[in-house]
Amino acid sequence: MGYKTVRDFAFAEFTERKSVFIGQISPARTEEDALGFIRDIKEKQRGAAHNVYAYVLRGGVKRCSDDGEPQGTAGIQLLETIEREGLTDTVIVVTRYFGGILLGAGGLVRAYSRGAKIAVDSAEIAYMADCAVLRVEMDYSFYNIFLNIAGAYGHSILSSDFLDRVAVEIRLTQEDSRAFITEVREKSSGKIAPELLRKEFAGMAL
């Protein structure tokens, strides 16, 4: 089965009553990856008051830390955000530079929830799944039809060659690839038969 994760590192920040909060997010395939990312952020943000974190991995591993904030006001908010967004193999660190004004328990909960959410919103989300890479050769007259067909499926066009004919390499989930091949054959009256180049486990943009 596939799963949602973030494609790469991303971050965003905001200021709440003079405290600066920085939400940082990254993919993490293993607990070692997650802990390494947390260590790197703590080193980079070593002047911060707190580096709160949470991560969720495939297989059910879930961890979070308040990193010195009052218990239950920080780490669990990050963990709940990851789960609410349906992400896995994902780690978030929300860094706080204290501005001298106490926020109270409710204020901390809202701030750390917001820090996690803006980190997620700043990231590109990918759907990791078993995929098929297909090669489709066609006349120029069929190219726009091909693009319309592809647009109905989650896909990534890996390469396009425009010579005597158009040759495109396209990645789709294996599930979508079967319907895609059928539709291309039907709309080309059987003249175009997408060729399977390989199968791979890869990320599809959402």
N, C-alpha and C. Protein backbone atom coordinates (compact mmCIF):
# COMPACT_ATOMS: atom_id res chain seq x y z
N MET A 1 0.83 -1.20 0.00
CA MET A 1 0.00 0.00 0.00
C MET A 1 0.87 1.26 0.00
N GLY A 2 0.35 2.32 -0.61
CA GLY A 2 1.09 3.57 -0.65
C GLY A 2 0.88 4.39 0.60
N TYR A 3 1.62 5.49 0.68
CA TYR A 3 1.49 6.38 1.83
C TYR A 3 1.92 7.79 1.44
N LYS A 4 1.48 8.77 2.20
CA LYS A 4 1.82 10.16 1.97
C LYS A 4 3.00 10.57 2.83
N THR A 5 3.89 11.35 2.26
CA THR A 5 5.01 11.90 3.01
C THR A 5 5.38 13.24 2.36
N VAL A 6 6.40 13.90 2.89
CA VAL A 6 6.89 15.13 2.26
C VAL A 6 8.05 14.76 1.35
N ARG A 7 8.19 15.51 0.26
CA ARG A 7 9.21 15.18 -0.73
C ARG A 7 10.59 15.64 -0.28
N ASP A 8 10.66 16.76 0.43
CA ASP A 8 11.97 17.32 0.79
C ASP A 8 11.81 18.24 1.99
N PHE A 9 12.93 18.75 2.48
CA PHE A 9 12.93 19.70 3.59
C PHE A 9 12.17 20.97 3.22
N ALA A 10 11.43 21.50 4.19
CA ALA A 10 10.75 22.78 4.01
C ALA A 10 10.60 23.44 5.37
N PHE A 11 10.40 24.75 5.36
CA PHE A 11 10.23 25.45 6.64
C PHE A 11 9.40 26.70 6.43
N ALA A 12 8.86 27.20 7.54
CA ALA A 12 8.14 28.47 7.56
C ALA A 12 8.21 28.99 8.98
N GLU A 13 7.97 30.28 9.17
CA GLU A 13 8.07 30.85 10.51
C GLU A 13 7.03 31.94 10.72
N PHE A 14 6.78 32.24 11.98
CA PHE A 14 5.90 33.33 12.35
C PHE A 14 6.32 33.83 13.73
N THR A 15 5.81 34.99 14.10
CA THR A 15 6.11 35.58 15.41
C THR A 15 4.82 35.71 16.21
N GLU A 16 4.87 35.27 17.45
CA GLU A 16 3.73 35.35 18.36
C GLU A 16 4.18 36.01 19.65
N ARG A 17 3.71 37.22 19.87
CA ARG A 17 4.06 37.97 21.09
C ARG A 17 5.57 37.95 21.33
N LYS A 18 6.30 38.32 20.31
CA LYS A 18 7.75 38.48 20.29
C LYS A 18 8.54 37.17 20.28
N SER A 19 7.88 36.02 20.44
CA SER A 19 8.57 34.73 20.27
C SER A 19 8.51 34.34 18.80
N VAL A 20 9.66 33.94 18.27
CA VAL A 20 9.72 33.48 16.88
C VAL A 20 9.62 31.96 16.86
N PHE A 21 8.68 31.45 16.06
CA PHE A 21 8.49 30.01 15.91
C PHE A 21 8.86 29.63 14.47
N ILE A 22 9.70 28.61 14.32
CA ILE A 22 10.12 28.14 13.01
C ILE A 22 9.72 26.67 12.88
N GLY A 23 8.83 26.40 11.94
CA GLY A 23 8.42 25.02 11.67
C GLY A 23 9.28 24.43 10.57
N GLN A 24 9.91 23.28 10.85
CA GLN A 24 10.81 22.64 9.90
C GLN A 24 10.39 21.18 9.72
N ILE A 25 10.32 20.72 8.47
CA ILE A 25 9.79 19.40 8.18
C ILE A 25 10.68 18.69 7.19
N SER A 26 10.73 17.37 7.31
CA SER A 26 11.59 16.60 6.42
C SER A 26 11.07 15.17 6.30
N PRO A 27 11.32 14.50 5.17
CA PRO A 27 11.05 13.07 5.11
C PRO A 27 12.05 12.32 5.99
N ALA A 28 11.66 11.18 6.51
CA ALA A 28 12.54 10.34 7.33
C ALA A 28 12.11 8.90 7.16
N ARG A 29 12.90 8.11 6.48
CA ARG A 29 12.52 6.73 6.23
C ARG A 29 12.80 5.81 7.41
N THR A 30 13.71 6.23 8.28
CA THR A 30 14.05 5.42 9.45
C THR A 30 14.12 6.30 10.68
N GLU A 31 14.13 5.67 11.85
CA GLU A 31 14.28 6.44 13.08
C GLU A 31 15.64 7.13 13.12
N GLU A 32 16.63 6.51 12.56
CA GLU A 32 17.96 7.14 12.48
C GLU A 32 17.89 8.43 11.66
N ASP A 33 17.15 8.40 10.54
CA ASP A 33 16.97 9.61 9.74
C ASP A 33 16.30 10.71 10.55
N ALA A 34 15.23 10.34 11.28
CA ALA A 34 14.49 11.33 12.06
C ALA A 34 15.37 11.94 13.15
N LEU A 35 16.08 11.10 13.88
CA LEU A 35 16.93 11.58 14.96
C LEU A 35 18.09 12.41 14.41
N GLY A 36 18.61 12.04 13.26
CA GLY A 36 19.67 12.82 12.64
C GLY A 36 19.19 14.21 12.25
N PHE A 37 17.97 14.28 11.70
CA PHE A 37 17.40 15.58 11.34
C PHE A 37 17.21 16.44 12.59
N ILE A 38 16.71 15.84 13.66
CA ILE A 38 16.50 16.59 14.91
C ILE A 38 17.84 17.11 15.45
N ARG A 39 18.86 16.28 15.42
CA ARG A 39 20.19 16.72 15.87
C ARG A 39 20.70 17.88 15.03
N ASP A 40 20.51 17.78 13.71
CA ASP A 40 20.99 18.85 12.83
C ASP A 40 20.28 20.17 13.12
N ILE A 41 18.97 20.10 13.35
CA ILE A 41 18.22 21.33 13.65
C ILE A 41 18.67 21.90 14.99
N LYS A 42 18.86 21.05 15.98
CA LYS A 42 19.31 21.54 17.30
C LYS A 42 20.67 22.21 17.20
N GLU A 43 21.53 21.68 16.34
CA GLU A 43 22.84 22.30 16.15
C GLU A 43 22.70 23.63 15.42
N LYS A 44 21.89 23.64 14.37
CA LYS A 44 21.67 24.86 13.60
C LYS A 44 20.99 25.93 14.43
N GLN A 45 20.03 25.52 15.27
CA GLN A 45 19.23 26.46 16.07
C GLN A 45 19.64 26.39 17.54
N ARG A 46 20.94 26.25 17.79
CA ARG A 46 21.39 26.02 19.17
C ARG A 46 21.16 27.22 20.08
N GLY A 47 20.88 28.39 19.52
CA GLY A 47 20.58 29.54 20.34
C GLY A 47 19.12 29.64 20.74
N ALA A 48 18.30 28.69 20.28
CA ALA A 48 16.86 28.74 20.56
C ALA A 48 16.56 28.26 21.98
N ALA A 49 15.41 28.68 22.48
CA ALA A 49 14.97 28.23 23.81
C ALA A 49 14.49 26.78 23.77
N HIS A 50 13.81 26.40 22.67
CA HIS A 50 13.23 25.05 22.57
C HIS A 50 13.28 24.58 21.12
N ASN A 51 13.52 23.29 20.96
CA ASN A 51 13.39 22.63 19.66
C ASN A 51 12.47 21.42 19.86
N VAL A 52 11.20 21.67 19.76
CA VAL A 52 10.17 20.65 19.98
C VAL A 52 10.08 19.79 18.72
N TYR A 53 9.88 18.47 18.90
CA TYR A 53 9.84 17.62 17.71
C TYR A 53 8.82 16.50 17.82
N ALA A 54 8.52 15.94 16.67
CA ALA A 54 7.69 14.74 16.59
C ALA A 54 7.97 14.07 15.26
N TYR A 55 7.83 12.75 15.23
CA TYR A 55 7.95 12.03 13.97
C TYR A 55 7.06 10.80 13.98
N VAL A 56 6.63 10.42 12.77
CA VAL A 56 5.80 9.23 12.56
C VAL A 56 6.43 8.43 11.43
N LEU A 57 6.66 7.14 11.67
CA LEU A 57 7.29 6.27 10.69
C LEU A 57 6.37 5.11 10.35
N ARG A 58 6.59 4.54 9.18
CA ARG A 58 5.86 3.32 8.84
C ARG A 58 6.20 2.23 9.86
N GLY A 59 5.22 1.40 10.11
CA GLY A 59 5.43 0.36 11.12
C GLY A 59 4.91 0.77 12.47
N GLY A 60 4.39 2.02 12.58
CA GLY A 60 3.76 2.44 13.82
C GLY A 60 4.63 3.18 14.80
N VAL A 61 5.88 3.48 14.45
CA VAL A 61 6.76 4.23 15.36
C VAL A 61 6.32 5.68 15.41
N LYS A 62 6.05 6.18 16.63
CA LYS A 62 5.65 7.57 16.85
C LYS A 62 6.40 8.09 18.07
N ARG A 63 7.00 9.26 17.94
CA ARG A 63 7.71 9.86 19.06
C ARG A 63 7.46 11.36 19.05
N CYS A 64 7.48 11.97 20.24
CA CYS A 64 7.41 13.42 20.32
C CYS A 64 8.09 13.88 21.60
N SER A 65 8.49 15.14 21.62
CA SER A 65 9.16 15.73 22.78
C SER A 65 8.74 17.18 22.93
N ASP A 66 8.48 17.59 24.19
CA ASP A 66 8.18 18.99 24.49
C ASP A 66 9.44 19.83 24.62
N ASP A 67 10.59 19.18 24.75
CA ASP A 67 11.89 19.86 24.86
C ASP A 67 11.86 21.03 25.84
N GLY A 68 11.32 20.77 27.02
CA GLY A 68 11.37 21.77 28.07
C GLY A 68 10.14 22.64 28.19
N GLU A 69 9.27 22.62 27.22
CA GLU A 69 8.00 23.33 27.35
C GLU A 69 7.09 22.55 28.31
N PRO A 70 6.09 23.18 28.92
CA PRO A 70 5.20 22.45 29.83
C PRO A 70 4.60 21.21 29.16
N GLN A 71 4.55 20.13 29.90
CA GLN A 71 4.11 18.86 29.34
C GLN A 71 2.74 18.96 28.67
N GLY A 72 2.66 18.42 27.48
CA GLY A 72 1.39 18.39 26.75
C GLY A 72 1.07 19.64 25.96
N THR A 73 1.97 20.63 25.95
CA THR A 73 1.66 21.88 25.26
C THR A 73 2.35 22.00 23.90
N ALA A 74 3.21 21.04 23.55
CA ALA A 74 4.05 21.26 22.37
C ALA A 74 4.18 20.01 21.48
N GLY A 75 4.93 19.01 21.95
CA GLY A 75 5.23 17.87 21.10
C GLY A 75 4.01 17.14 20.59
N ILE A 76 3.02 16.96 21.45
CA ILE A 76 1.82 16.23 21.03
C ILE A 76 1.08 16.98 19.93
N GLN A 77 1.18 18.31 19.93
CA GLN A 77 0.55 19.11 18.87
C GLN A 77 1.20 18.82 17.52
N LEU A 78 2.52 18.64 17.51
CA LEU A 78 3.22 18.30 16.27
C LEU A 78 2.81 16.91 15.80
N LEU A 79 2.78 15.97 16.75
CA LEU A 79 2.41 14.59 16.41
C LEU A 79 1.00 14.52 15.84
N GLU A 80 0.08 15.22 16.47
CA GLU A 80 -1.31 15.21 16.00
C GLU A 80 -1.43 15.85 14.62
N THR A 81 -0.61 16.86 14.34
CA THR A 81 -0.65 17.50 13.03
C THR A 81 -0.18 16.52 11.95
N ILE A 82 0.91 15.81 12.20
CA ILE A 82 1.40 14.82 11.25
C ILE A 82 0.31 13.79 10.95
N GLU A 83 -0.32 13.29 12.00
CA GLU A 83 -1.34 12.26 11.83
C GLU A 83 -2.59 12.81 11.15
N ARG A 84 -2.99 14.02 11.52
CA ARG A 84 -4.18 14.63 10.92
C ARG A 84 -3.98 14.87 9.42
N GLU A 85 -2.76 15.18 9.03
CA GLU A 85 -2.46 15.41 7.61
C GLU A 85 -2.26 14.10 6.86
N GLY A 86 -2.30 12.98 7.57
CA GLY A 86 -2.17 11.67 6.93
C GLY A 86 -0.76 11.36 6.46
N LEU A 87 0.24 11.94 7.11
CA LEU A 87 1.63 11.76 6.70
C LEU A 87 2.30 10.65 7.50
N THR A 88 3.28 10.03 6.88
CA THR A 88 4.15 9.10 7.60
C THR A 88 5.56 9.25 7.05
N ASP A 89 6.53 8.57 7.69
CA ASP A 89 7.94 8.78 7.35
C ASP A 89 8.23 10.28 7.30
N THR A 90 7.77 10.97 8.34
CA THR A 90 7.84 12.43 8.38
C THR A 90 8.26 12.89 9.77
N VAL A 91 9.15 13.89 9.82
CA VAL A 91 9.59 14.47 11.09
C VAL A 91 9.41 15.99 11.03
N ILE A 92 8.95 16.56 12.12
CA ILE A 92 8.78 18.01 12.25
C ILE A 92 9.51 18.48 13.50
N VAL A 93 10.23 19.58 13.38
CA VAL A 93 10.81 20.28 14.53
C VAL A 93 10.29 21.71 14.49
N VAL A 94 9.71 22.16 15.60
CA VAL A 94 9.31 23.56 15.72
C VAL A 94 10.23 24.21 16.73
N THR A 95 11.01 25.15 16.25
CA THR A 95 11.97 25.89 17.07
C THR A 95 11.32 27.15 17.61
N ARG A 96 11.61 27.43 18.89
CA ARG A 96 11.10 28.67 19.50
C ARG A 96 12.24 29.51 20.03
N TYR A 97 12.30 30.75 19.56
CA TYR A 97 13.19 31.76 20.14
C TYR A 97 12.33 32.62 21.06
N PHE A 98 12.54 32.49 22.35
CA PHE A 98 11.69 33.13 23.35
C PHE A 98 11.82 34.66 23.29
N GLY A 99 10.66 35.33 23.27
CA GLY A 99 10.65 36.77 23.14
C GLY A 99 10.44 37.52 24.44
N GLY A 100 10.38 36.79 25.56
CA GLY A 100 10.26 37.44 26.86
C GLY A 100 8.86 37.55 27.39
N ILE A 101 7.86 37.13 26.60
CA ILE A 101 6.46 37.19 27.04
C ILE A 101 5.91 35.77 27.13
N LEU A 102 5.42 35.39 28.28
CA LEU A 102 4.85 34.05 28.45
C LEU A 102 3.53 33.95 27.68
N LEU A 103 3.32 32.81 27.05
CA LEU A 103 2.12 32.61 26.24
C LEU A 103 1.03 31.86 26.98
N GLY A 104 1.36 31.19 28.08
CA GLY A 104 0.38 30.37 28.77
C GLY A 104 0.19 29.05 28.05
N ALA A 105 -0.43 28.09 28.74
CA ALA A 105 -0.58 26.75 28.16
C ALA A 105 -1.38 26.80 26.86
N GLY A 106 -2.50 27.52 26.86
CA GLY A 106 -3.32 27.60 25.65
C GLY A 106 -2.59 28.26 24.50
N GLY A 107 -1.84 29.29 24.81
CA GLY A 107 -1.08 29.98 23.77
C GLY A 107 0.00 29.10 23.18
N LEU A 108 0.65 28.29 24.02
CA LEU A 108 1.68 27.38 23.53
C LEU A 108 1.08 26.32 22.62
N VAL A 109 -0.05 25.77 23.04
CA VAL A 109 -0.72 24.75 22.22
C VAL A 109 -1.03 25.32 20.83
N ARG A 110 -1.60 26.51 20.80
CA ARG A 110 -1.95 27.12 19.51
C ARG A 110 -0.70 27.42 18.68
N ALA A 111 0.35 27.91 19.34
CA ALA A 111 1.56 28.29 18.62
C ALA A 111 2.26 27.08 18.02
N TYR A 112 2.38 26.02 18.80
CA TYR A 112 3.06 24.84 18.26
C TYR A 112 2.22 24.12 17.21
N SER A 113 0.90 24.14 17.37
CA SER A 113 0.03 23.59 16.33
C SER A 113 0.21 24.39 15.04
N ARG A 114 0.25 25.70 15.16
CA ARG A 114 0.43 26.54 13.97
C ARG A 114 1.81 26.31 13.35
N GLY A 115 2.84 26.20 14.18
CA GLY A 115 4.19 25.96 13.66
C GLY A 115 4.27 24.68 12.86
N ALA A 116 3.63 23.63 13.36
CA ALA A 116 3.62 22.36 12.63
C ALA A 116 2.83 22.47 11.33
N LYS A 117 1.69 23.14 11.40
CA LYS A 117 0.82 23.25 10.21
C LYS A 117 1.47 24.06 9.10
N ILE A 118 2.13 25.15 9.43
CA ILE A 118 2.75 25.95 8.38
C ILE A 118 3.95 25.21 7.78
N ALA A 119 4.59 24.36 8.57
CA ALA A 119 5.66 23.53 8.02
C ALA A 119 5.10 22.57 6.98
N VAL A 120 3.99 21.91 7.32
CA VAL A 120 3.35 20.99 6.38
C VAL A 120 2.90 21.75 5.13
N ASP A 121 2.29 22.91 5.33
CA ASP A 121 1.76 23.67 4.19
C ASP A 121 2.88 24.16 3.26
N SER A 122 4.08 24.34 3.80
CA SER A 122 5.20 24.82 2.98
C SER A 122 5.87 23.71 2.20
N ALA A 123 5.55 22.45 2.52
CA ALA A 123 6.21 21.31 1.91
C ALA A 123 5.44 20.80 0.70
N GLU A 124 6.15 20.14 -0.19
CA GLU A 124 5.51 19.43 -1.30
C GLU A 124 5.18 18.02 -0.81
N ILE A 125 3.93 17.64 -0.93
CA ILE A 125 3.48 16.34 -0.47
C ILE A 125 3.57 15.33 -1.61
N ALA A 126 4.07 14.15 -1.30
CA ALA A 126 4.18 13.09 -2.31
C ALA A 126 3.45 11.85 -1.84
N TYR A 127 2.92 11.12 -2.80
CA TYR A 127 2.29 9.84 -2.52
C TYR A 127 3.25 8.75 -2.98
N MET A 128 3.82 8.03 -2.03
CA MET A 128 4.76 6.97 -2.33
C MET A 128 4.00 5.69 -2.63
N ALA A 129 4.31 5.08 -3.76
CA ALA A 129 3.54 3.91 -4.18
C ALA A 129 4.32 3.08 -5.19
N ASP A 130 3.85 1.86 -5.42
CA ASP A 130 4.38 1.04 -6.50
C ASP A 130 3.96 1.67 -7.82
N CYS A 131 4.93 1.97 -8.66
CA CYS A 131 4.66 2.72 -9.89
C CYS A 131 5.13 1.95 -11.12
N ALA A 132 4.61 2.37 -12.25
CA ALA A 132 5.03 1.86 -13.55
C ALA A 132 5.52 3.03 -14.39
N VAL A 133 6.66 2.85 -15.04
CA VAL A 133 7.18 3.84 -15.98
C VAL A 133 6.90 3.33 -17.39
N LEU A 134 6.15 4.12 -18.14
CA LEU A 134 5.73 3.73 -19.48
C LEU A 134 6.37 4.64 -20.53
N ARG A 135 6.59 4.07 -21.71
CA ARG A 135 7.01 4.86 -22.87
C ARG A 135 5.86 4.87 -23.86
N VAL A 136 5.50 6.07 -24.28
CA VAL A 136 4.39 6.22 -25.22
C VAL A 136 4.90 6.97 -26.46
N GLU A 137 4.85 6.34 -27.61
CA GLU A 137 5.23 6.99 -28.87
C GLU A 137 3.96 7.30 -29.64
N MET A 138 3.90 8.49 -30.22
CA MET A 138 2.65 8.91 -30.89
C MET A 138 2.95 9.95 -31.96
N ASP A 139 2.01 10.11 -32.86
CA ASP A 139 2.07 11.22 -33.82
C ASP A 139 1.72 12.51 -33.08
N TYR A 140 2.17 13.62 -33.68
CA TYR A 140 1.90 14.92 -33.07
C TYR A 140 0.40 15.17 -32.93
N SER A 141 -0.38 14.61 -33.83
CA SER A 141 -1.82 14.83 -33.80
C SER A 141 -2.48 14.23 -32.56
N PHE A 142 -1.81 13.27 -31.93
CA PHE A 142 -2.39 12.62 -30.75
C PHE A 142 -1.85 13.21 -29.45
N TYR A 143 -0.87 14.10 -29.54
CA TYR A 143 -0.18 14.55 -28.32
C TYR A 143 -1.11 15.27 -27.34
N ASN A 144 -1.95 16.17 -27.83
CA ASN A 144 -2.87 16.87 -26.91
C ASN A 144 -3.89 15.92 -26.30
N ILE A 145 -4.30 14.92 -27.06
CA ILE A 145 -5.21 13.91 -26.52
C ILE A 145 -4.51 13.14 -25.40
N PHE A 146 -3.25 12.79 -25.66
CA PHE A 146 -2.44 12.10 -24.65
C PHE A 146 -2.35 12.93 -23.36
N LEU A 147 -2.09 14.23 -23.50
CA LEU A 147 -1.97 15.09 -22.31
C LEU A 147 -3.30 15.15 -21.55
N ASN A 148 -4.40 15.19 -22.26
CA ASN A 148 -5.71 15.19 -21.61
C ASN A 148 -5.96 13.89 -20.86
N ILE A 149 -5.56 12.78 -21.46
CA ILE A 149 -5.71 11.49 -20.78
C ILE A 149 -4.84 11.46 -19.52
N ALA A 150 -3.58 11.86 -19.66
CA ALA A 150 -2.65 11.84 -18.52
C ALA A 150 -3.15 12.74 -17.40
N GLY A 151 -3.80 13.85 -17.78
CA GLY A 151 -4.27 14.79 -16.78
C GLY A 151 -5.32 14.24 -15.85
N ALA A 152 -5.95 13.14 -16.24
CA ALA A 152 -6.98 12.52 -15.39
C ALA A 152 -6.38 11.63 -14.32
N TYR A 153 -5.05 11.43 -14.40
CA TYR A 153 -4.37 10.54 -13.45
C TYR A 153 -3.23 11.31 -12.76
N GLY A 154 -2.90 10.87 -11.54
CA GLY A 154 -1.68 11.39 -10.93
C GLY A 154 -0.49 10.85 -11.72
N HIS A 155 0.38 11.72 -12.20
CA HIS A 155 1.47 11.24 -13.04
C HIS A 155 2.66 12.19 -12.96
N SER A 156 3.80 11.69 -13.42
CA SER A 156 4.99 12.52 -13.61
C SER A 156 5.54 12.22 -14.99
N ILE A 157 5.70 13.24 -15.82
CA ILE A 157 6.34 13.06 -17.12
C ILE A 157 7.84 13.17 -16.90
N LEU A 158 8.56 12.09 -17.17
CA LEU A 158 10.00 12.02 -16.90
C LEU A 158 10.82 12.57 -18.05
N SER A 159 10.35 12.38 -19.28
CA SER A 159 11.07 12.92 -20.44
C SER A 159 10.13 13.01 -21.62
N SER A 160 10.44 13.93 -22.52
CA SER A 160 9.66 14.10 -23.76
C SER A 160 10.63 14.38 -24.89
N ASP A 161 10.53 13.60 -25.98
CA ASP A 161 11.36 13.81 -27.16
C ASP A 161 10.44 14.16 -28.33
N PHE A 162 10.75 15.27 -28.99
CA PHE A 162 9.94 15.73 -30.11
C PHE A 162 10.79 15.64 -31.39
N LEU A 163 10.72 14.49 -32.05
CA LEU A 163 11.46 14.27 -33.28
C LEU A 163 10.46 14.03 -34.41
N ASP A 164 10.63 12.96 -35.17
CA ASP A 164 9.63 12.65 -36.20
C ASP A 164 8.29 12.34 -35.55
N ARG A 165 8.35 11.71 -34.38
CA ARG A 165 7.16 11.46 -33.57
C ARG A 165 7.47 11.94 -32.16
N VAL A 166 6.45 11.98 -31.33
CA VAL A 166 6.63 12.35 -29.93
C VAL A 166 6.82 11.07 -29.12
N ALA A 167 7.83 11.06 -28.26
CA ALA A 167 8.07 9.92 -27.38
C ALA A 167 8.14 10.44 -25.94
N VAL A 168 7.27 9.92 -25.09
CA VAL A 168 7.16 10.40 -23.72
C VAL A 168 7.37 9.23 -22.76
N GLU A 169 8.17 9.48 -21.71
CA GLU A 169 8.25 8.54 -20.59
C GLU A 169 7.44 9.13 -19.44
N ILE A 170 6.50 8.34 -18.94
CA ILE A 170 5.58 8.82 -17.93
C ILE A 170 5.50 7.82 -16.77
N ARG A 171 5.45 8.34 -15.56
CA ARG A 171 5.32 7.49 -14.37
C ARG A 171 3.92 7.63 -13.80
N LEU A 172 3.26 6.50 -13.54
CA LEU A 172 1.96 6.46 -12.89
C LEU A 172 2.00 5.36 -11.83
N THR A 173 1.05 5.42 -10.91
CA THR A 173 0.94 4.29 -10.00
C THR A 173 0.56 3.06 -10.82
N GLN A 174 0.94 1.88 -10.34
CA GLN A 174 0.61 0.67 -11.08
C GLN A 174 -0.90 0.54 -11.26
N GLU A 175 -1.65 0.93 -10.24
CA GLU A 175 -3.11 0.86 -10.33
C GLU A 175 -3.63 1.75 -11.46
N ASP A 176 -3.14 3.00 -11.51
CA ASP A 176 -3.58 3.92 -12.56
C ASP A 176 -3.07 3.52 -13.94
N SER A 177 -1.90 2.90 -13.98
CA SER A 177 -1.30 2.59 -15.28
C SER A 177 -2.17 1.66 -16.11
N ARG A 178 -2.85 0.75 -15.46
CA ARG A 178 -3.69 -0.19 -16.21
C ARG A 178 -4.83 0.54 -16.92
N ALA A 179 -5.51 1.43 -16.19
CA ALA A 179 -6.60 2.20 -16.80
C ALA A 179 -6.06 3.17 -17.85
N PHE A 180 -4.88 3.75 -17.59
CA PHE A 180 -4.27 4.69 -18.53
C PHE A 180 -3.96 3.99 -19.86
N ILE A 181 -3.34 2.81 -19.79
CA ILE A 181 -3.01 2.06 -21.01
C ILE A 181 -4.27 1.74 -21.80
N THR A 182 -5.30 1.30 -21.11
CA THR A 182 -6.57 0.98 -21.79
C THR A 182 -7.14 2.21 -22.48
N GLU A 183 -7.11 3.35 -21.81
CA GLU A 183 -7.69 4.56 -22.39
C GLU A 183 -6.90 5.05 -23.59
N VAL A 184 -5.57 4.98 -23.50
CA VAL A 184 -4.74 5.39 -24.65
C VAL A 184 -5.03 4.50 -25.85
N ARG A 185 -5.12 3.20 -25.63
CA ARG A 185 -5.41 2.28 -26.74
C ARG A 185 -6.78 2.56 -27.36
N GLU A 186 -7.78 2.79 -26.49
CA GLU A 186 -9.13 3.03 -27.00
C GLU A 186 -9.20 4.32 -27.80
N LYS A 187 -8.61 5.40 -27.28
CA LYS A 187 -8.74 6.70 -27.94
C LYS A 187 -7.83 6.83 -29.16
N SER A 188 -6.88 5.91 -29.30
CA SER A 188 -6.06 5.91 -30.51
C SER A 188 -6.50 4.82 -31.48
N SER A 189 -7.66 4.21 -31.19
CA SER A 189 -8.20 3.12 -32.02
C SER A 189 -7.20 1.97 -32.16
N GLY A 190 -6.47 1.73 -31.07
CA GLY A 190 -5.53 0.61 -31.05
C GLY A 190 -4.20 0.88 -31.72
N LYS A 191 -3.97 2.10 -32.19
CA LYS A 191 -2.73 2.41 -32.90
C LYS A 191 -1.55 2.65 -31.95
N ILE A 192 -1.85 3.03 -30.70
CA ILE A 192 -0.79 3.34 -29.74
C ILE A 192 -0.89 2.39 -28.56
N ALA A 193 0.23 1.72 -28.27
CA ALA A 193 0.28 0.78 -27.15
C ALA A 193 1.42 1.18 -26.22
N PRO A 194 1.14 1.83 -25.10
CA PRO A 194 2.21 2.20 -24.17
C PRO A 194 3.05 0.99 -23.77
N GLU A 195 4.37 1.20 -23.73
CA GLU A 195 5.31 0.13 -23.40
C GLU A 195 5.77 0.26 -21.96
N LEU A 196 5.71 -0.82 -21.21
CA LEU A 196 6.20 -0.82 -19.83
C LEU A 196 7.72 -0.90 -19.84
N LEU A 197 8.37 0.13 -19.30
CA LEU A 197 9.84 0.14 -19.22
C LEU A 197 10.34 -0.49 -17.93
N ARG A 198 9.68 -0.16 -16.82
CA ARG A 198 10.12 -0.70 -15.53
C ARG A 198 9.07 -0.43 -14.47
N LYS A 199 9.20 -1.16 -13.38
CA LYS A 199 8.39 -0.91 -12.19
C LYS A 199 9.32 -0.39 -11.09
N GLU A 200 8.81 0.53 -10.29
CA GLU A 200 9.63 1.10 -9.23
C GLU A 200 8.74 1.65 -8.12
N PHE A 201 9.33 1.77 -6.94
CA PHE A 201 8.63 2.40 -5.82
C PHE A 201 9.08 3.85 -5.79
N ALA A 202 8.14 4.77 -5.97
CA ALA A 202 8.52 6.17 -6.15
C ALA A 202 7.42 7.09 -5.62
N GLY A 203 7.76 8.37 -5.58
CA GLY A 203 6.83 9.38 -5.10
C GLY A 203 6.09 10.06 -6.21
N MET A 204 4.79 10.20 -6.05
CA MET A 204 3.97 10.91 -7.00
C MET A 204 3.49 12.21 -6.34
N ALA A 205 3.64 13.33 -7.03
CA ALA A 205 3.18 14.59 -6.49
C ALA A 205 1.68 14.59 -6.32
N LEU A 206 1.21 15.23 -5.24
CA LEU A 206 -0.23 15.34 -4.99
C LEU A 206 -0.68 16.78 -5.21
